[in-house]
Amino acid sequence: MSRIIAGAAGGTTLVSVPGSLTRPTTDRVKEALFSRLDAFEVVADARVLDLYAGSGSLGVESASRGAGTVDLVEFDAKASEVCQRNADLVNTVARRKVVSVHRSRVESFLERTQEAVRWDLVFLDPPYPLEEPALADVLAELAPHLAEGAVVVVERSSRSPEPTWPDGLERFAERKYGETRLWFAEPSVPEVPEVVLEDGQ
């Protein structure tokens, strides 16, 4: 049984998605992940996006810890219903609508997103059968919607290869926890060409 680990709703038991089609992040991995994110100081007041949200565990944990807004994106009907129930738990504690649920395919959601929208923290926990080229396409679609200093966390099987990072996004860390590997990426800063001045200028 998964729970919210810390923050305003800490200790709250989350609703789980029935069946075995989703692969929830374990509390051990979630605790280690958020310990790193707290060290990066990217959670408080952040605009958070949780793609392939499953039960919404990572998104609602962010909301409990002080994120400004959280968008959960999940296409499966049962899973999106569970997302809504878990969102309602946190929104009740916060006494405002911090978490919003979008029943949509990830690709469609990103395509519909307005150009000006930017997120500070993004979680991607795609199903393991998702092929690497499809994940690369999603990352490429996501990259223009990242705020300066944003952090992207990709959760994959420890046997999966490193994701293919698109232009504008680069990996800065990775951690392995048993069968789970977390990849951390951030927007890359374009190199400014060095200007060489000639004598007398």
C-alpha atoms as a PDB file:
ATOM      1  CA  MET A   1       0.000   0.000   0.000  1.00  0.00           C
ATOM      2  CA  SER A   2       1.515   3.296  -1.109  1.00  0.00           C
ATOM      3  CA  ARG A   3       1.341   6.453   0.985  1.00  0.00           C
ATOM      4  CA  ILE A   4       2.306  10.101   0.942  1.00  0.00           C
ATOM      5  CA  ILE A   5       5.617  10.230   2.753  1.00  0.00           C
ATOM      6  CA  ALA A   6       5.976  13.840   3.863  1.00  0.00           C
ATOM      7  CA  GLY A   7       4.459  17.299   3.811  1.00  0.00           C
ATOM      8  CA  ALA A   8       0.973  18.568   4.582  1.00  0.00           C
ATOM      9  CA  ALA A   9      -0.656  15.221   3.709  1.00  0.00           C
ATOM     10  CA  GLY A  10       2.194  13.054   5.003  1.00  0.00           C
ATOM     11  CA  GLY A  11       1.088   9.605   6.157  1.00  0.00           C
ATOM     12  CA  THR A  12      -2.050   9.590   3.986  1.00  0.00           C
ATOM     13  CA  THR A  13      -2.677   6.198   2.371  1.00  0.00           C
ATOM     14  CA  LEU A  14      -3.105   6.448  -1.382  1.00  0.00           C
ATOM     15  CA  VAL A  15      -5.608   4.573  -3.507  1.00  0.00           C
ATOM     16  CA  SER A  16      -3.897   1.990  -5.735  1.00  0.00           C
ATOM     17  CA  VAL A  17      -4.755   1.069  -9.308  1.00  0.00           C
ATOM     18  CA  PRO A  18      -6.329  -2.406  -9.397  1.00  0.00           C
ATOM     19  CA  GLY A  19      -4.655  -5.105 -11.467  1.00  0.00           C
ATOM     20  CA  SER A  20      -1.073  -5.394 -12.640  1.00  0.00           C
ATOM     21  CA  LEU A  21      -0.987  -3.076 -15.660  1.00  0.00           C
ATOM     22  CA  THR A  22       0.596  -0.216 -13.690  1.00  0.00           C
ATOM     23  CA  ARG A  23       3.916  -0.359 -11.858  1.00  0.00           C
ATOM     24  CA  PRO A  24       3.776   2.024  -8.909  1.00  0.00           C
ATOM     25  CA  THR A  25       6.965   3.620  -7.620  1.00  0.00           C
ATOM     26  CA  THR A  26       7.831   1.963  -4.313  1.00  0.00           C
ATOM     27  CA  ASP A  27       7.904   4.079  -1.175  1.00  0.00           C
ATOM     28  CA  ARG A  28      11.640   3.326  -0.845  1.00  0.00           C
ATOM     29  CA  VAL A  29      12.405   4.720  -4.295  1.00  0.00           C
ATOM     30  CA  LYS A  30      10.008   7.636  -3.806  1.00  0.00           C
ATOM     31  CA  GLU A  31      11.659   8.589  -0.517  1.00  0.00           C
ATOM     32  CA  ALA A  32      15.128   8.501  -2.100  1.00  0.00           C
ATOM     33  CA  LEU A  33      13.902  10.471  -5.110  1.00  0.00           C
ATOM     34  CA  PHE A  34      12.327  13.253  -3.090  1.00  0.00           C
ATOM     35  CA  SER A  35      15.347  13.456  -0.819  1.00  0.00           C
ATOM     36  CA  ARG A  36      17.373  14.366  -3.921  1.00  0.00           C
ATOM     37  CA  LEU A  37      14.722  16.734  -5.234  1.00  0.00           C
ATOM     38  CA  ASP A  38      14.610  18.520  -1.871  1.00  0.00           C
ATOM     39  CA  ALA A  39      18.397  18.921  -2.110  1.00  0.00           C
ATOM     40  CA  PHE A  40      17.920  20.432  -5.586  1.00  0.00           C
ATOM     41  CA  GLU A  41      15.281  22.797  -4.082  1.00  0.00           C
ATOM     42  CA  VAL A  42      12.924  22.294  -7.019  1.00  0.00           C
ATOM     43  CA  VAL A  43       9.699  21.131  -5.320  1.00  0.00           C
ATOM     44  CA  ALA A  44       8.426  24.126  -3.318  1.00  0.00           C
ATOM     45  CA  ASP A  45       6.087  26.306  -5.423  1.00  0.00           C
ATOM     46  CA  ALA A  46       6.997  24.277  -8.528  1.00  0.00           C
ATOM     47  CA  ARG A  47       4.797  23.719 -11.563  1.00  0.00           C
ATOM     48  CA  VAL A  48       4.838  19.915 -11.708  1.00  0.00           C
ATOM     49  CA  LEU A  49       3.905  17.568 -14.552  1.00  0.00           C
ATOM     50  CA  ASP A  50       3.452  13.827 -13.907  1.00  0.00           C
ATOM     51  CA  LEU A  51       3.281  11.919 -17.220  1.00  0.00           C
ATOM     52  CA  TYR A  52       2.071   8.297 -17.334  1.00  0.00           C
ATOM     53  CA  ALA A  53       0.891   9.118 -13.825  1.00  0.00           C
ATOM     54  CA  GLY A  54      -0.558   5.725 -12.843  1.00  0.00           C
ATOM     55  CA  SER A  55      -1.994   6.363  -9.379  1.00  0.00           C
ATOM     56  CA  GLY A  56      -0.525   9.884  -9.369  1.00  0.00           C
ATOM     57  CA  SER A  57       1.764   8.995  -6.485  1.00  0.00           C
ATOM     58  CA  LEU A  58       4.699  11.209  -7.510  1.00  0.00           C
ATOM     59  CA  GLY A  59       2.523  14.172  -8.399  1.00  0.00           C
ATOM     60  CA  VAL A  60       0.502  14.152  -5.185  1.00  0.00           C
ATOM     61  CA  GLU A  61       3.693  13.701  -3.143  1.00  0.00           C
ATOM     62  CA  SER A  62       4.941  16.915  -4.774  1.00  0.00           C
ATOM     63  CA  ALA A  63       1.688  18.667  -3.911  1.00  0.00           C
ATOM     64  CA  SER A  64       1.951  17.557  -0.289  1.00  0.00           C
ATOM     65  CA  ARG A  65       5.473  18.975  -0.162  1.00  0.00           C
ATOM     66  CA  GLY A  66       4.432  22.415  -1.373  1.00  0.00           C
ATOM     67  CA  ALA A  67       4.323  22.354  -5.167  1.00  0.00           C
ATOM     68  CA  GLY A  68       2.337  25.234  -6.621  1.00  0.00           C
ATOM     69  CA  THR A  69       0.414  23.261  -9.264  1.00  0.00           C
ATOM     70  CA  VAL A  70       0.463  19.616 -10.344  1.00  0.00           C
ATOM     71  CA  ASP A  71      -0.849  18.119 -13.599  1.00  0.00           C
ATOM     72  CA  LEU A  72      -1.407  14.350 -13.675  1.00  0.00           C
ATOM     73  CA  VAL A  73      -1.651  12.851 -17.178  1.00  0.00           C
ATOM     74  CA  GLU A  74      -3.003   9.305 -17.493  1.00  0.00           C
ATOM     75  CA  PHE A  75      -4.933   7.667 -20.327  1.00  0.00           C
ATOM     76  CA  ASP A  76      -6.163   4.438 -18.729  1.00  0.00           C
ATOM     77  CA  ALA A  77      -9.702   4.883 -17.414  1.00  0.00           C
ATOM     78  CA  LYS A  78      -9.222   3.021 -14.117  1.00  0.00           C
ATOM     79  CA  ALA A  79      -5.884   4.667 -13.430  1.00  0.00           C
ATOM     80  CA  SER A  80      -7.171   8.171 -14.185  1.00  0.00           C
ATOM     81  CA  GLU A  81     -10.069   7.570 -11.798  1.00  0.00           C
ATOM     82  CA  VAL A  82      -7.574   6.583  -9.090  1.00  0.00           C
ATOM     83  CA  CYS A  83      -5.527   9.714  -9.927  1.00  0.00           C
ATOM     84  CA  GLN A  84      -8.620  11.807  -9.310  1.00  0.00           C
ATOM     85  CA  ARG A  85      -9.320  10.149  -5.957  1.00  0.00           C
ATOM     86  CA  ASN A  86      -5.731  10.716  -4.809  1.00  0.00           C
ATOM     87  CA  ALA A  87      -5.809  14.277  -6.132  1.00  0.00           C
ATOM     88  CA  ASP A  88      -8.978  14.905  -4.135  1.00  0.00           C
ATOM     89  CA  LEU A  89      -7.223  13.684  -0.957  1.00  0.00           C
ATOM     90  CA  VAL A  90      -4.423  16.236  -1.338  1.00  0.00           C
ATOM     91  CA  ASN A  91      -6.634  19.051  -2.581  1.00  0.00           C
ATOM     92  CA  THR A  92      -8.816  18.619   0.504  1.00  0.00           C
ATOM     93  CA  VAL A  93      -5.813  18.963   2.788  1.00  0.00           C
ATOM     94  CA  ALA A  94      -4.536  21.974   0.815  1.00  0.00           C
ATOM     95  CA  ARG A  95      -8.031  23.527   0.746  1.00  0.00           C
ATOM     96  CA  ARG A  96      -7.501  24.460  -2.889  1.00  0.00           C
ATOM     97  CA  LYS A  97      -7.136  22.716  -6.224  1.00  0.00           C
ATOM     98  CA  VAL A  98      -3.408  22.074  -6.420  1.00  0.00           C
ATOM     99  CA  VAL A  99      -3.671  18.840  -8.429  1.00  0.00           C
ATOM    100  CA  SER A 100      -5.511  18.540 -11.756  1.00  0.00           C
ATOM    101  CA  VAL A 101      -6.087  15.265 -13.607  1.00  0.00           C
ATOM    102  CA  HIS A 102      -6.033  14.984 -17.401  1.00  0.00           C
ATOM    103  CA  ARG A 103      -7.273  11.769 -18.974  1.00  0.00           C
ATOM    104  CA  SER A 104      -5.219  11.825 -22.142  1.00  0.00           C
ATOM    105  CA  ARG A 105      -2.456  10.121 -24.027  1.00  0.00           C
ATOM    106  CA  VAL A 106       0.823  11.775 -23.136  1.00  0.00           C
ATOM    107  CA  GLU A 107       1.617  12.594 -26.765  1.00  0.00           C
ATOM    108  CA  SER A 108      -1.774  14.261 -27.298  1.00  0.00           C
ATOM    109  CA  PHE A 109      -1.505  16.226 -24.065  1.00  0.00           C
ATOM    110  CA  LEU A 110       1.879  17.673 -25.003  1.00  0.00           C
ATOM    111  CA  GLU A 111       0.746  18.470 -28.538  1.00  0.00           C
ATOM    112  CA  ARG A 112      -2.227  20.438 -27.148  1.00  0.00           C
ATOM    113  CA  THR A 113      -0.146  22.323 -24.588  1.00  0.00           C
ATOM    114  CA  GLN A 114       0.128  26.009 -25.320  1.00  0.00           C
ATOM    115  CA  GLU A 115       3.557  27.192 -26.371  1.00  0.00           C
ATOM    116  CA  ALA A 116       3.988  29.503 -23.374  1.00  0.00           C
ATOM    117  CA  VAL A 117       3.382  26.788 -20.744  1.00  0.00           C
ATOM    118  CA  ARG A 118       6.498  25.852 -18.742  1.00  0.00           C
ATOM    119  CA  TRP A 119       7.045  23.255 -16.008  1.00  0.00           C
ATOM    120  CA  ASP A 120       9.699  23.234 -13.267  1.00  0.00           C
ATOM    121  CA  LEU A 121       9.592  19.527 -12.409  1.00  0.00           C
ATOM    122  CA  VAL A 122       8.514  16.653 -14.674  1.00  0.00           C
ATOM    123  CA  PHE A 123       8.134  12.963 -13.866  1.00  0.00           C
ATOM    124  CA  LEU A 124       7.987  10.322 -16.610  1.00  0.00           C
ATOM    125  CA  ASP A 125       7.322   6.761 -15.512  1.00  0.00           C
ATOM    126  CA  PRO A 126       6.289   5.157 -18.830  1.00  0.00           C
ATOM    127  CA  PRO A 127       5.277   1.495 -18.990  1.00  0.00           C
ATOM    128  CA  TYR A 128       8.322  -0.682 -19.562  1.00  0.00           C
ATOM    129  CA  PRO A 129       6.989  -1.989 -22.922  1.00  0.00           C
ATOM    130  CA  LEU A 130       7.130   1.568 -24.309  1.00  0.00           C
ATOM    131  CA  GLU A 131       9.864   1.463 -26.924  1.00  0.00           C
ATOM    132  CA  GLU A 132      12.825   3.809 -26.652  1.00  0.00           C
ATOM    133  CA  PRO A 133      12.079   5.758 -29.893  1.00  0.00           C
ATOM    134  CA  ALA A 134       8.581   6.561 -28.567  1.00  0.00           C
ATOM    135  CA  LEU A 135      10.055   7.792 -25.270  1.00  0.00           C
ATOM    136  CA  ALA A 136      12.581   9.905 -27.215  1.00  0.00           C
ATOM    137  CA  ASP A 137       9.720  11.522 -29.155  1.00  0.00           C
ATOM    138  CA  VAL A 138       7.932  12.409 -25.905  1.00  0.00           C
ATOM    139  CA  LEU A 139      11.092  13.942 -24.439  1.00  0.00           C
ATOM    140  CA  ALA A 140      11.572  15.994 -27.599  1.00  0.00           C
ATOM    141  CA  GLU A 141       7.984  17.249 -27.357  1.00  0.00           C
ATOM    142  CA  LEU A 142       8.491  18.073 -23.673  1.00  0.00           C
ATOM    143  CA  ALA A 143      11.805  19.947 -23.963  1.00  0.00           C
ATOM    144  CA  PRO A 144      10.371  23.308 -25.181  1.00  0.00           C
ATOM    145  CA  HIS A 145       8.013  23.363 -22.183  1.00  0.00           C
ATOM    146  CA  LEU A 146      10.691  23.321 -19.486  1.00  0.00           C
ATOM    147  CA  ALA A 147      11.385  26.350 -17.331  1.00  0.00           C
ATOM    148  CA  GLU A 148      14.924  27.527 -16.691  1.00  0.00           C
ATOM    149  CA  GLY A 149      16.476  25.259 -14.061  1.00  0.00           C
ATOM    150  CA  ALA A 150      13.806  22.584 -14.498  1.00  0.00           C
ATOM    151  CA  VAL A 151      14.414  18.957 -13.512  1.00  0.00           C
ATOM    152  CA  VAL A 152      13.112  15.974 -15.499  1.00  0.00           C
ATOM    153  CA  VAL A 153      13.028  12.538 -13.835  1.00  0.00           C
ATOM    154  CA  VAL A 154      12.647   9.432 -16.020  1.00  0.00           C
ATOM    155  CA  GLU A 155      11.949   6.144 -14.225  1.00  0.00           C
ATOM    156  CA  ARG A 156      12.822   2.972 -16.128  1.00  0.00           C
ATOM    157  CA  SER A 157      13.789  -0.644 -15.583  1.00  0.00           C
ATOM    158  CA  SER A 158      17.407  -0.991 -14.522  1.00  0.00           C
ATOM    159  CA  ARG A 159      17.820  -3.149 -17.641  1.00  0.00           C
ATOM    160  CA  SER A 160      16.629  -0.396 -19.993  1.00  0.00           C
ATOM    161  CA  PRO A 161      19.153   1.727 -21.879  1.00  0.00           C
ATOM    162  CA  GLU A 162      19.671   5.390 -21.107  1.00  0.00           C
ATOM    163  CA  PRO A 163      16.943   7.486 -22.753  1.00  0.00           C
ATOM    164  CA  THR A 164      17.854   9.340 -25.933  1.00  0.00           C
ATOM    165  CA  TRP A 165      17.947  12.971 -24.853  1.00  0.00           C
ATOM    166  CA  PRO A 166      16.764  15.518 -27.430  1.00  0.00           C
ATOM    167  CA  ASP A 167      18.427  18.810 -28.219  1.00  0.00           C
ATOM    168  CA  GLY A 168      17.837  21.137 -25.307  1.00  0.00           C
ATOM    169  CA  LEU A 169      17.860  18.427 -22.635  1.00  0.00           C
ATOM    170  CA  GLU A 170      20.829  16.683 -21.030  1.00  0.00           C
ATOM    171  CA  ARG A 171      21.316  14.113 -18.308  1.00  0.00           C
ATOM    172  CA  PHE A 172      23.119  15.243 -15.166  1.00  0.00           C
ATOM    173  CA  ALA A 173      22.644  12.260 -12.825  1.00  0.00           C
ATOM    174  CA  GLU A 174      21.299   8.721 -12.547  1.00  0.00           C
ATOM    175  CA  ARG A 175      20.604   6.378  -9.648  1.00  0.00           C
ATOM    176  CA  LYS A 176      19.786   2.671  -9.448  1.00  0.00           C
ATOM    177  CA  TYR A 177      17.500   1.205  -6.792  1.00  0.00           C
ATOM    178  CA  GLY A 178      17.129  -2.541  -7.259  1.00  0.00           C
ATOM    179  CA  GLU A 179      15.133  -3.090 -10.461  1.00  0.00           C
ATOM    180  CA  THR A 180      14.500   0.640 -10.887  1.00  0.00           C
ATOM    181  CA  ARG A 181      16.762   3.264 -12.422  1.00  0.00           C
ATOM    182  CA  LEU A 182      16.128   7.001 -12.245  1.00  0.00           C
ATOM    183  CA  TRP A 183      17.579   9.346 -14.855  1.00  0.00           C
ATOM    184  CA  PHE A 184      17.780  13.068 -14.013  1.00  0.00           C
ATOM    185  CA  ALA A 185      17.955  15.633 -16.808  1.00  0.00           C
ATOM    186  CA  GLU A 186      17.867  19.412 -17.137  1.00  0.00           C
ATOM    187  CA  PRO A 187      17.579  21.962 -19.935  1.00  0.00           C
ATOM    188  CA  SER A 188      20.929  22.426 -21.614  1.00  0.00           C
ATOM    189  CA  VAL A 189      22.344  25.915 -21.838  1.00  0.00           C
ATOM    190  CA  PRO A 190      23.330  26.899 -25.386  1.00  0.00           C
ATOM    191  CA  GLU A 191      27.012  27.619 -25.732  1.00  0.00           C
ATOM    192  CA  VAL A 192      27.741  31.258 -26.486  1.00  0.00           C
ATOM    193  CA  PRO A 193      30.405  31.548 -29.184  1.00  0.00           C
ATOM    194  CA  GLU A 194      33.507  33.291 -27.982  1.00  0.00           C
ATOM    195  CA  VAL A 195      34.067  36.656 -29.586  1.00  0.00           C
ATOM    196  CA  VAL A 196      37.688  37.355 -30.428  1.00  0.00           C
ATOM    197  CA  LEU A 197      38.482  41.033 -30.754  1.00  0.00           C
ATOM    198  CA  GLU A 198      41.171  42.143 -33.129  1.00  0.00           C
ATOM    199  CA  ASP A 199      43.921  44.482 -31.948  1.00  0.00           C
ATOM    200  CA  GLY A 200      42.681  47.997 -31.527  1.00  0.00           C
ATOM    201  CA  GLN A 201      39.031  47.039 -30.979  1.00  0.00           C
END
